[in-house]
Protein backbone atom coordinates (compact mmCIF):
# COMPACT_ATOMS: atom_id res chain seq x y z
CA MET A 1 -5.37 5.36 -19.32
CA ASN A 2 -3.05 3.03 -21.22
CA SER A 3 0.22 4.93 -20.96
CA ARG A 4 2.12 4.47 -17.71
CA ILE A 5 4.21 6.99 -15.81
CA GLU A 6 7.65 5.47 -15.23
CA TYR A 7 8.46 7.11 -11.91
CA ILE A 8 5.14 5.88 -10.47
CA ASP A 9 6.06 2.31 -11.44
CA ARG A 10 9.45 2.86 -9.76
CA LEU A 11 7.73 4.04 -6.60
CA LYS A 12 5.39 1.05 -6.60
CA GLY A 13 8.24 -1.34 -7.39
CA PHE A 14 10.35 -0.06 -4.52
CA ALA A 15 7.38 -0.13 -2.13
CA ILE A 16 6.36 -3.72 -2.97
CA LEU A 17 9.98 -4.88 -2.60
CA LEU A 18 9.98 -3.44 0.92
CA VAL A 19 6.69 -5.25 1.64
CA VAL A 20 8.14 -8.61 0.56
CA ILE A 21 11.37 -8.06 2.53
CA GLY A 22 9.40 -7.05 5.62
CA HIS A 23 7.17 -10.11 5.38
CA PHE A 24 10.20 -12.31 4.74
CA ILE A 25 11.77 -11.14 8.00
CA GLU A 26 8.47 -11.62 9.82
CA CYS A 27 8.13 -15.20 8.54
CA ASN A 28 11.76 -16.32 8.62
CA VAL A 29 13.46 -14.66 11.59
CA VAL A 30 12.71 -15.82 15.12
CA LYS A 31 10.91 -12.86 16.74
CA GLY A 32 11.71 -10.94 13.56
CA TYR A 33 9.56 -8.00 14.67
CA LEU A 34 12.37 -7.16 17.13
CA HIS A 35 15.08 -6.95 14.46
CA PRO A 36 16.26 -3.40 13.58
CA LEU A 37 15.80 -4.00 9.82
CA TYR A 38 12.18 -5.03 10.36
CA SER A 39 11.58 -1.93 12.48
CA PHE A 40 13.16 0.32 9.86
CA ILE A 41 10.98 -1.05 7.04
CA TYR A 42 7.75 -1.09 9.05
CA PHE A 43 8.13 2.54 10.04
CA PHE A 44 7.26 3.73 6.55
CA HIS A 45 6.61 1.07 3.89
CA MET A 46 2.77 0.94 4.11
CA PRO A 47 2.36 4.74 4.48
CA LEU A 48 4.49 4.95 1.32
CA PHE A 49 2.10 2.57 -0.45
CA MET A 50 -0.90 4.63 0.69
CA PHE A 51 0.75 7.81 -0.56
CA ILE A 52 1.33 6.17 -3.94
CA SER A 53 -2.28 4.98 -4.06
CA GLY A 54 -3.64 8.48 -3.41
CA TYR A 55 -1.17 9.99 -5.87
CA VAL A 56 -2.14 7.51 -8.60
CA ALA A 57 -5.87 7.96 -7.91
CA LYS A 58 -5.62 11.68 -8.62
CA LYS A 59 -2.88 11.60 -11.26
CA TYR A 60 -4.67 9.08 -13.48
CA LEU A 61 -8.13 10.59 -12.95
CA LYS A 62 -9.46 11.82 -16.28
CA VAL A 63 -13.20 11.89 -15.61
CA GLU A 64 -15.67 13.91 -13.55
CA LEU A 65 -16.48 11.71 -10.55
CA ALA A 66 -19.29 14.08 -9.54
CA LYS A 67 -21.28 12.60 -12.45
CA PRO A 68 -23.31 9.54 -11.30
CA LYS A 69 -22.23 7.37 -14.24
CA GLU A 70 -18.53 8.06 -13.67
CA ALA A 71 -18.89 7.56 -9.92
CA PHE A 72 -20.56 4.17 -10.50
CA THR A 73 -17.79 3.17 -12.91
CA PHE A 74 -15.16 4.20 -10.36
CA ILE A 75 -16.77 2.13 -7.57
CA ASN A 76 -17.21 -0.83 -9.89
CA LYS A 77 -13.53 -0.71 -10.85
CA LYS A 78 -12.45 -0.60 -7.18
CA ILE A 79 -14.69 -3.56 -6.32
CA ARG A 80 -13.19 -5.51 -9.22
CA SER A 81 -9.55 -4.67 -8.51
CA LEU A 82 -9.62 -4.74 -4.69
CA ILE A 83 -12.64 -6.49 -3.18
CA ILE A 84 -12.88 -9.45 -5.57
CA PRO A 85 -9.21 -10.50 -5.02
CA TYR A 86 -9.67 -9.92 -1.28
CA LEU A 87 -12.69 -12.25 -1.11
CA THR A 88 -11.05 -14.82 -3.39
CA TRP A 89 -7.85 -15.11 -1.35
CA SER A 90 -9.60 -14.80 2.02
CA LEU A 91 -12.65 -16.99 1.33
CA LEU A 92 -12.64 -19.06 -1.86
CA ILE A 93 -9.02 -20.26 -1.85
CA PRO A 94 -9.03 -21.37 1.83
CA MET A 95 -12.39 -23.07 1.31
CA CYS A 96 -11.26 -24.92 -1.82
CA PHE A 97 -7.63 -25.75 -1.02
CA LEU A 98 -7.41 -25.66 2.77
CA SER A 99 -10.68 -27.40 3.53
CA TYR A 100 -9.04 -29.77 6.03
CA ASN A 101 -8.73 -26.96 8.57
CA PHE A 102 -11.21 -24.44 7.22
CA LYS A 103 -14.54 -24.27 9.04
CA PHE A 104 -17.05 -22.63 6.75
CA ASP A 105 -19.68 -20.42 8.37
CA LEU A 106 -20.86 -17.88 5.79
CA PHE A 107 -22.16 -15.25 8.21
CA SER A 108 -19.29 -15.38 10.71
CA ARG A 109 -16.70 -15.53 7.93
CA PHE A 110 -18.07 -12.44 6.18
CA GLU A 111 -18.41 -10.67 9.52
CA TYR A 112 -14.75 -11.40 10.21
CA LEU A 113 -13.62 -10.24 6.76
CA ILE A 114 -15.55 -6.97 7.07
CA PHE A 115 -14.69 -6.00 10.66
CA HIS A 116 -11.27 -7.58 11.20
CA HIS A 117 -7.86 -7.55 9.54
CA THR A 118 -6.51 -10.38 7.43
CA TYR A 119 -3.07 -10.42 5.81
CA LEU A 120 -4.73 -8.59 2.88
CA TRP A 121 -5.93 -5.71 5.05
CA PHE A 122 -4.34 -3.23 2.65
CA LEU A 123 -6.94 -4.03 -0.03
CA THR A 124 -9.96 -3.24 2.14
CA THR A 125 -8.34 -0.16 3.67
CA LEU A 126 -7.50 1.12 0.19
CA PHE A 127 -11.05 0.41 -0.97
CA TYR A 128 -12.56 2.50 1.85
CA LEU A 129 -10.04 5.29 1.26
CA SER A 130 -10.94 5.21 -2.44
CA LEU A 131 -14.59 5.74 -1.47
CA LEU A 132 -13.50 8.72 0.64
CA PHE A 133 -11.59 10.01 -2.39
CA LEU A 134 -14.82 9.74 -4.40
CA VAL A 135 -16.64 11.74 -1.72
CA TYR A 136 -13.78 14.27 -1.78
CA GLU A 137 -14.09 14.69 -5.56
CA ILE A 138 -17.84 15.24 -5.30
CA ILE A 139 -17.81 17.64 -2.33
CA SER A 140 -14.77 19.60 -3.50
CA LYS A 141 -16.69 20.59 -6.65
CA ILE A 142 -19.26 22.24 -4.41
CA LEU A 143 -16.61 23.94 -2.26
CA LEU A 144 -14.54 25.23 -5.19
CA LYS A 145 -16.06 28.69 -4.83
CA PHE A 146 -14.46 28.96 -1.38
CA LYS A 147 -10.75 29.68 -1.00
CA GLY A 148 -9.08 26.55 0.30
CA GLY A 149 -12.22 24.55 -0.40
CA ARG A 150 -10.37 21.32 -1.21
CA ILE A 151 -8.29 21.43 1.97
CA LEU A 152 -11.47 22.17 3.92
CA CYS A 153 -13.06 19.11 2.32
CA ILE A 154 -10.13 16.86 3.32
CA THR A 155 -10.24 18.27 6.86
CA ILE A 156 -13.96 17.54 7.16
CA LEU A 157 -13.48 13.98 5.91
CA TYR A 158 -10.59 13.39 8.32
CA ILE A 159 -12.52 14.71 11.31
CA THR A 160 -15.48 12.52 10.30
CA THR A 161 -13.19 9.48 10.11
CA MET A 162 -11.70 10.32 13.50
CA PHE A 163 -15.20 10.67 14.95
CA LEU A 164 -16.22 7.27 13.56
CA TYR A 165 -13.07 5.69 14.98
CA HIS A 166 -13.88 6.94 18.47
CA ILE A 167 -17.45 5.64 18.20
CA PHE A 168 -16.58 2.32 16.54
CA PRO A 169 -12.96 1.60 17.52
CA ASN A 170 -12.40 -1.54 15.43
CA VAL A 171 -9.20 -2.26 13.49
CA VAL A 172 -10.69 -1.49 10.07
CA ILE A 173 -11.75 2.07 10.93
CA LYS A 174 -8.51 2.49 12.90
CA SER A 175 -6.58 1.58 9.74
CA ILE A 176 -8.59 4.01 7.60
CA PHE A 177 -8.04 6.76 10.15
CA GLY A 178 -4.31 5.99 10.44
CA TYR A 179 -3.56 5.91 6.72
CA PHE A 180 -5.91 8.72 5.67
CA PRO A 181 -3.19 11.44 5.93
CA PHE A 182 -0.77 9.52 3.70
CA TYR A 183 -3.37 8.67 1.05
CA PHE A 184 -4.58 12.26 0.82
CA LEU A 185 -1.04 13.60 0.93
CA GLY A 186 -0.63 11.72 -2.35
CA VAL A 187 -3.84 13.29 -3.67
CA ILE A 188 -2.63 16.80 -2.72
CA ILE A 189 0.85 16.32 -4.25
CA ALA A 190 -0.69 15.02 -7.48
CA GLN A 191 -3.26 17.83 -7.63
CA PHE A 192 -1.25 20.89 -6.63
CA LYS A 193 2.06 21.63 -8.35
CA ARG A 194 2.95 24.14 -5.65
CA ALA A 195 2.55 21.48 -2.94
CA GLU A 196 4.83 19.15 -4.88
CA ASP A 197 7.44 21.89 -5.32
CA LEU A 198 7.43 22.67 -1.58
CA TYR A 199 7.47 19.07 -0.34
CA CYS A 200 9.68 17.40 -2.93
CA ASN A 201 12.45 19.85 -3.86
CA LYS A 202 16.22 19.43 -3.47
CA ILE A 203 16.43 21.23 -0.13
CA ALA A 204 13.50 19.28 1.32
CA PHE A 205 15.04 16.09 -0.06
CA GLY A 206 18.25 16.69 1.90
CA ILE A 207 16.47 17.54 5.16
CA PHE A 208 13.95 14.70 4.95
CA THR A 209 16.60 12.15 3.98
CA ILE A 210 18.62 12.93 7.11
CA ALA A 211 15.51 12.60 9.30
CA PHE A 212 14.42 9.44 7.48
CA LEU A 213 17.77 7.70 8.02
CA ILE A 214 18.53 8.88 11.57
CA ILE A 215 15.24 8.71 13.49
CA PRO A 216 14.45 4.97 12.98
CA VAL A 217 17.91 4.02 14.29
CA HIS A 218 16.91 5.18 17.77
CA PHE A 219 13.56 3.40 17.99
CA ASN A 220 12.15 -0.10 17.61
CA TYR A 221 8.78 -0.51 15.94
CA PHE A 222 5.91 -1.30 18.32
CA GLU A 223 2.17 -0.71 18.01
CA THR A 224 1.85 1.94 20.72
CA GLU A 225 0.61 5.52 20.52
CA PHE A 226 4.10 6.96 20.98
CA TYR A 227 5.59 4.85 18.20
CA ARG A 228 2.68 5.66 15.89
CA ILE A 229 3.74 9.29 16.21
CA ILE A 230 7.34 8.33 15.44
CA LYS A 231 6.09 6.23 12.52
CA ALA A 232 4.16 9.22 11.15
CA ILE A 233 7.24 11.47 11.40
CA VAL A 234 9.48 8.88 9.71
CA SER A 235 6.87 8.25 7.01
CA PHE A 236 6.40 11.93 6.20
CA ALA A 237 10.20 12.15 5.87
CA ALA A 238 10.58 8.92 3.86
CA ILE A 239 7.88 9.71 1.30
CA PRO A 240 9.48 12.82 -0.27
CA THR A 241 12.91 11.15 -0.12
CA ILE A 242 11.79 8.09 -2.09
CA TYR A 243 9.53 10.15 -4.36
CA TYR A 244 12.41 12.45 -5.27
CA LEU A 245 14.77 9.53 -5.95
CA SER A 246 12.17 7.75 -8.08
CA ARG A 247 11.31 10.81 -10.13
CA PHE A 248 14.59 12.66 -10.59
CA MET A 249 17.45 10.21 -10.03
CA ARG A 250 19.21 8.70 -13.07
CA TRP A 251 18.77 4.93 -12.94
CA ASN A 252 20.71 2.08 -14.50
CA THR A 253 18.54 0.85 -17.37
CA ILE A 254 18.53 -2.83 -16.34
CA ILE A 255 17.76 -2.07 -12.69
CA ASP A 256 15.18 0.51 -13.68
CA ASN A 257 13.36 -1.95 -15.95
CA GLN A 258 13.19 -4.55 -13.18
CA ILE A 259 11.95 -2.06 -10.57
CA GLN A 260 9.25 -0.92 -12.98
CA LEU A 261 8.35 -4.55 -13.71
CA TRP A 262 7.75 -5.06 -9.99
CA GLY A 263 5.74 -1.83 -9.92
CA ARG A 264 3.49 -2.94 -12.77
CA ASN A 265 2.90 -6.23 -10.94
CA SER A 266 2.65 -4.81 -7.41
CA LEU A 267 -0.88 -6.12 -6.77
CA VAL A 268 0.02 -9.57 -8.11
CA ILE A 269 3.06 -9.72 -5.84
CA TYR A 270 1.19 -8.37 -2.82
CA VAL A 271 -1.64 -10.91 -2.83
CA THR A 272 0.55 -13.89 -3.80
CA GLN A 273 3.78 -13.44 -1.79
CA TRP A 274 2.36 -14.14 1.67
CA ASN A 275 1.40 -17.69 0.69
CA LEU A 276 4.77 -18.39 -0.95
CA LEU A 277 6.64 -17.04 2.06
CA HIS A 278 4.95 -19.65 4.24
CA ILE A 279 6.14 -22.42 1.92
CA PHE A 280 9.82 -21.40 2.08
CA THR A 281 10.88 -20.84 5.71
CA ILE A 282 14.44 -20.91 7.05
CA ASN A 283 14.06 -19.68 10.67
CA LEU A 284 17.03 -17.33 11.03
CA PRO A 285 18.02 -16.39 14.60
CA LEU A 286 17.13 -12.92 15.89
CA TYR A 287 20.82 -12.04 16.40
CA THR A 288 21.51 -12.34 12.65
CA SER A 289 23.57 -9.29 11.69
CA THR A 290 21.78 -6.53 9.82
CA PHE A 291 24.12 -6.82 6.81
CA SER A 292 23.61 -10.59 6.57
CA LEU A 293 19.85 -10.23 6.90
CA ILE A 294 19.74 -7.51 4.23
CA LEU A 295 21.68 -9.77 1.85
CA VAL A 296 19.64 -12.94 2.52
CA SER A 297 16.24 -11.25 2.64
CA PHE A 298 16.94 -9.22 -0.51
CA ILE A 299 18.02 -12.24 -2.57
CA LEU A 300 15.20 -14.51 -1.40
CA SER A 301 12.62 -11.71 -1.66
CA LEU A 302 13.66 -11.23 -5.29
CA PHE A 303 13.08 -14.95 -5.84
CA ILE A 304 9.64 -14.75 -4.21
CA GLY A 305 8.69 -11.63 -6.18
CA TYR A 306 9.67 -13.06 -9.56
CA ALA A 307 7.84 -16.30 -8.70
CA CYS A 308 4.72 -14.21 -8.04
CA ILE A 309 5.12 -12.41 -11.38
CA LEU A 310 5.51 -15.76 -13.14
CA ILE A 311 2.36 -17.07 -11.49
CA GLY A 312 0.53 -13.90 -12.48
CA ASN A 313 1.63 -14.28 -16.11
CA VAL A 314 0.37 -17.87 -16.19
CA ILE A 315 -2.96 -16.88 -14.61
CA LYS A 316 -3.47 -14.31 -17.40
CA TYR A 317 -4.30 -17.16 -19.78
CA SER A 318 -7.58 -17.69 -17.91
CA PRO A 319 -9.56 -14.41 -17.86
CA ILE A 320 -12.06 -15.68 -15.27
CA ILE A 321 -9.38 -16.89 -12.82
CA ASP A 322 -7.37 -13.73 -13.49
CA LEU A 323 -10.41 -11.63 -12.55
CA LEU A 324 -11.06 -13.60 -9.39
CA ILE A 325 -7.48 -13.79 -8.14
CA TYR A 326 -6.00 -10.49 -9.30
CA GLY A 327 -9.02 -8.37 -10.23
CA ARG A 328 -7.65 -7.83 -13.72
CA LYS A 329 -10.01 -7.28 -16.62
CA SER A 330 -9.00 -8.97 -19.87
CA LYS A 331 -8.33 -6.55 -22.72
């Protein structure tokens, strides 16, 4: 599909900006994970990205994935756009450019990349969720004759994922299990107009916005079971708020164009920014005021993001490198 949907690019642009700001705080503030701004962002920014991914997967789908040929094409595309960049940044680049401290053991390295998280964990989690989406598309065709067949299919897949997590409780399956609801929320909103009308209307926007802005103020972000529940609540409130603003709000043309530019380059920014952030470090103290940190992190995150886009535009001139680093197929 060549034409792009503007509000989706806005959503992606806003989400990737939050990712860069969050990583900036993590890399540049002493014990940045304790800062309120970090906590606020980390409550919802990756669930938002997963929602967008599920929404895009269904919204842009124009083929019958139940057909073997289309299913193979779908898997091939996901390997190209997600797994190849993941392996390049996690394996080839460290081996070629960081060889002075990179111990190469093919088996152990692949084992680590498959069963553990790296800073590019989002790519592998999204790949596995995309495979579950493929299974959903295939099974839901069989269950169409039953009322609520699609919801039943999602429920079965979620229970299966939960079962696997309890049998094999590693971080990869935990991540798939944790982000499954947000990814498939995006699928449902894209597929069912009624669901979108119920979840993303003006009244819901007002209620969810209040919850989204108030709840995170009273909690810091920590990886505990209680805070995962709070994170889920905040995320389910944040998603319709940001979706509604991206789709229905009138935007300044200049700002809108830049947000969409970031959205179109979200993958480029995501895989590149972590390395740039480790080049430019300023070590701000934890007691930095929230306003000052917002100002500094926003300005420097813009610089990092545009640097990533520039790098991506240069890489385009080499189709092979572009494929390896960003998973993009030359036109």
